[in-house]
Amino acid sequence: MNAAAALLVVRFLAGGVTGLTVHESGHVLTSAMFSAHPGTRPINYAGIPFFTVTHNQVSRKKEFVISSAGLWMQHAGSEWLLTARPNLRHESAPFLKGMFVFNTATSAVYTAAALGRLGPLERDTLGMATSLGRAGWREPVVGIFVAAPAALDVYRYFRPDQKWAAWASRGTKAAFMALVLFAGRPVP
């Protein structure tokens, strides 16, 4: 690999790390906003070491917001990228593409975890699901809310001329955020 190609890879990976930082900052900032004393601790799932953002116990509505905040940040980032740079696919922008790939790939992983009910107990989709309704929603339902915006954003990346996809993506992101209205409450 020559130096120019290596630099492209480094920029792409830096975009991915930035996407991770933005995602996790959503959890930290909302935890702090609710005076829930955010912190981190290591976790290990299937031999893969990682970390989780922790916080003190909060109401179910606040738990929903904290658990959702990382994905909300991803959705905002992808929306910004695809609105400001609709032809990103055809640009030489490895950093931005790295962020976009992180956002959509992370949503795909969370969707798979929710649908299969897999992963550590600290996973975001489980925190969201247990916070919804009077006694929690089924986690696969939350997985669909995670999948829809990401799938539409991937479609937008490849077909930026399809305006319906942009509006459908924005609508699913708004619907996902509106779920906070059902946190800790019975479904009407």
Protein backbone atom coordinates (compact mmCIF):
# COMPACT_ATOMS: atom_id res chain seq x y z
CA MET A 1 0.00 0.00 0.00
CA ASN A 2 1.44 3.36 -0.96
CA ALA A 3 1.41 6.42 1.30
CA ALA A 4 -1.56 8.05 -0.46
CA ALA A 5 -3.71 4.94 -0.07
CA ALA A 6 -2.64 4.56 3.56
CA LEU A 7 -3.64 8.16 4.24
CA LEU A 8 -7.11 7.51 2.77
CA VAL A 9 -7.51 4.50 5.07
CA VAL A 10 -6.38 6.52 8.09
CA ARG A 11 -8.85 9.30 7.25
CA PHE A 12 -11.68 6.78 6.78
CA LEU A 13 -10.89 5.15 10.14
CA ALA A 14 -10.65 8.58 11.79
CA GLY A 15 -14.15 9.28 10.51
CA GLY A 16 -15.34 6.04 12.08
CA VAL A 17 -13.70 6.90 15.41
CA THR A 18 -15.33 10.32 15.24
CA GLY A 19 -18.70 8.63 14.64
CA LEU A 20 -18.13 6.48 17.72
CA THR A 21 -17.18 9.56 19.75
CA VAL A 22 -20.31 11.41 18.62
CA HIS A 23 -22.48 8.37 19.47
CA GLU A 24 -21.03 7.92 22.96
CA SER A 25 -21.07 11.67 23.63
CA GLY A 26 -24.84 11.54 23.18
CA HIS A 27 -25.09 9.13 26.12
CA VAL A 28 -22.64 11.11 28.25
CA LEU A 29 -24.26 14.50 27.57
CA THR A 30 -27.81 13.33 28.25
CA SER A 31 -26.69 11.53 31.42
CA ALA A 32 -25.02 14.73 32.58
CA MET A 33 -28.05 16.79 31.58
CA PHE A 34 -30.18 14.63 33.90
CA SER A 35 -27.53 14.80 36.69
CA ALA A 36 -27.17 11.02 36.40
CA HIS A 37 -23.37 11.10 36.89
CA PRO A 38 -22.13 9.45 33.68
CA GLY A 39 -19.13 7.18 33.77
CA THR A 40 -17.69 4.24 31.89
CA ARG A 41 -16.84 0.65 32.70
CA PRO A 42 -15.42 -2.18 30.63
CA ILE A 43 -17.65 -4.92 29.27
CA ASN A 44 -16.86 -8.06 27.33
CA TYR A 45 -19.27 -9.84 25.01
CA ALA A 46 -18.36 -12.93 22.99
CA GLY A 47 -14.70 -12.26 23.71
CA ILE A 48 -14.87 -8.70 22.37
CA PRO A 49 -13.74 -6.11 24.92
CA PHE A 50 -15.52 -2.77 24.84
CA PHE A 51 -16.93 -0.25 27.29
CA THR A 52 -20.32 1.01 28.30
CA VAL A 53 -21.40 4.46 29.41
CA THR A 54 -22.93 4.11 32.86
CA HIS A 55 -25.15 6.39 34.89
CA ASN A 56 -27.16 6.44 38.09
CA GLN A 57 -30.69 5.08 38.08
CA VAL A 58 -33.16 7.50 36.51
CA SER A 59 -36.85 7.49 35.58
CA ARG A 60 -37.87 5.32 32.65
CA LYS A 61 -38.42 8.37 30.44
CA LYS A 62 -34.92 9.63 31.18
CA GLU A 63 -33.53 6.13 30.65
CA PHE A 64 -35.14 6.08 27.21
CA VAL A 65 -33.53 9.41 26.33
CA ILE A 66 -30.09 8.36 27.60
CA SER A 67 -30.27 4.97 25.83
CA SER A 68 -31.49 6.58 22.59
CA ALA A 69 -29.15 9.55 22.56
CA GLY A 70 -26.27 7.78 20.79
CA LEU A 71 -28.51 6.71 17.93
CA TRP A 72 -30.13 10.14 17.80
CA MET A 73 -26.67 11.66 17.41
CA GLN A 74 -25.90 9.18 14.62
CA HIS A 75 -29.15 10.05 12.85
CA ALA A 76 -28.40 13.77 13.14
CA GLY A 77 -24.91 13.20 11.77
CA SER A 78 -26.12 11.15 8.83
CA GLU A 79 -28.84 13.70 8.10
CA TRP A 80 -26.29 16.49 8.10
CA LEU A 81 -23.95 14.54 5.81
CA LEU A 82 -26.61 13.53 3.29
CA THR A 83 -28.27 16.94 3.24
CA ALA A 84 -25.07 18.98 2.98
CA ARG A 85 -23.32 16.51 0.67
CA PRO A 86 -26.01 14.56 -1.24
CA ASN A 87 -23.42 13.27 -3.71
CA LEU A 88 -21.04 12.08 -0.99
CA ARG A 89 -20.75 8.71 -2.70
CA HIS A 90 -18.98 10.34 -5.66
CA GLU A 91 -16.70 12.57 -3.58
CA SER A 92 -13.22 11.92 -2.32
CA ALA A 93 -14.18 12.38 1.33
CA PRO A 94 -12.87 9.39 3.29
CA PHE A 95 -13.34 11.01 6.70
CA LEU A 96 -17.03 11.79 6.06
CA LYS A 97 -17.56 8.37 4.49
CA GLY A 98 -16.01 6.79 7.58
CA MET A 99 -18.50 8.62 9.78
CA PHE A 100 -21.39 7.58 7.56
CA VAL A 101 -20.29 3.94 7.49
CA PHE A 102 -19.93 3.94 11.27
CA ASN A 103 -23.43 5.40 11.68
CA THR A 104 -25.16 2.96 9.38
CA ALA A 105 -23.12 -0.10 10.37
CA THR A 106 -23.72 0.59 14.05
CA SER A 107 -27.44 0.85 13.40
CA ALA A 108 -27.28 -2.50 11.57
CA VAL A 109 -25.48 -4.12 14.52
CA TYR A 110 -27.98 -2.67 16.99
CA THR A 111 -30.84 -3.87 14.81
CA ALA A 112 -29.43 -7.39 14.70
CA ALA A 113 -28.91 -7.32 18.47
CA ALA A 114 -32.48 -6.16 19.05
CA LEU A 115 -34.07 -8.62 16.64
CA GLY A 116 -32.05 -11.51 18.04
CA ARG A 117 -32.05 -10.22 21.61
CA LEU A 118 -28.28 -10.65 21.61
CA GLY A 119 -25.48 -8.81 23.29
CA PRO A 120 -24.66 -7.46 26.70
CA LEU A 121 -27.44 -6.38 29.04
CA GLU A 122 -26.16 -2.81 28.69
CA ARG A 123 -27.13 -2.59 25.00
CA ASP A 124 -28.99 0.55 23.99
CA THR A 125 -31.94 -1.20 22.37
CA LEU A 126 -32.71 -3.15 25.55
CA GLY A 127 -32.57 0.06 27.60
CA MET A 128 -34.99 1.68 25.17
CA ALA A 129 -37.35 -1.30 25.06
CA THR A 130 -37.62 -1.67 28.83
CA SER A 131 -38.36 2.06 29.14
CA LEU A 132 -41.34 2.12 26.78
CA GLY A 133 -44.96 1.67 27.76
CA ARG A 134 -46.17 0.58 31.16
CA ALA A 135 -44.09 -2.60 31.27
CA GLY A 136 -41.69 -2.24 28.34
CA TRP A 137 -41.94 -3.07 24.67
CA ARG A 138 -40.51 -6.06 22.88
CA GLU A 139 -36.93 -5.28 21.90
CA PRO A 140 -37.39 -6.35 18.24
CA VAL A 141 -39.94 -3.53 17.83
CA VAL A 142 -37.26 -1.05 18.89
CA GLY A 143 -34.92 -2.75 16.41
CA ILE A 144 -37.25 -1.79 13.56
CA PHE A 145 -37.16 1.85 14.69
CA VAL A 146 -33.35 1.67 14.62
CA ALA A 147 -33.20 -0.06 11.23
CA ALA A 148 -35.57 2.14 9.22
CA PRO A 149 -33.62 5.43 9.24
CA ALA A 150 -30.30 3.68 8.58
CA ALA A 151 -31.70 1.64 5.69
CA LEU A 152 -33.23 4.75 4.14
CA ASP A 153 -29.96 6.66 4.60
CA VAL A 154 -28.01 3.92 2.82
CA TYR A 155 -30.55 4.13 -0.01
CA ARG A 156 -30.11 7.93 -0.06
CA TYR A 157 -26.33 7.51 -0.27
CA PHE A 158 -26.70 5.47 -3.46
CA ARG A 159 -29.75 7.32 -4.85
CA PRO A 160 -29.53 10.98 -3.77
CA ASP A 161 -31.98 11.96 -6.50
CA GLN A 162 -34.83 10.15 -4.73
CA LYS A 163 -36.36 12.95 -2.64
CA TRP A 164 -39.01 10.66 -1.18
CA ALA A 165 -36.23 8.71 0.55
CA ALA A 166 -34.89 11.85 2.22
CA TRP A 167 -38.32 12.71 3.59
CA ALA A 168 -39.07 9.13 4.59
CA SER A 169 -35.74 8.98 6.43
CA ARG A 170 -36.45 12.22 8.24
CA GLY A 171 -39.93 10.97 9.15
CA THR A 172 -38.59 7.74 10.63
CA LYS A 173 -35.99 9.69 12.61
CA ALA A 174 -38.73 11.96 13.98
CA ALA A 175 -40.91 8.93 14.82
CA PHE A 176 -37.98 7.33 16.64
CA MET A 177 -37.48 10.48 18.72
CA ALA A 178 -41.23 10.74 19.37
CA LEU A 179 -41.12 7.37 21.14
CA VAL A 180 -39.99 9.34 24.20
CA LEU A 181 -43.67 10.25 24.59
CA PHE A 182 -44.38 6.59 25.36
CA ALA A 183 -41.52 6.08 27.81
CA GLY A 184 -42.82 4.96 31.18
CA ARG A 185 -46.44 5.29 30.07
CA PRO A 186 -49.15 2.95 28.83
CA VAL A 187 -49.83 2.96 25.12
CA PRO A 188 -53.19 4.72 24.48
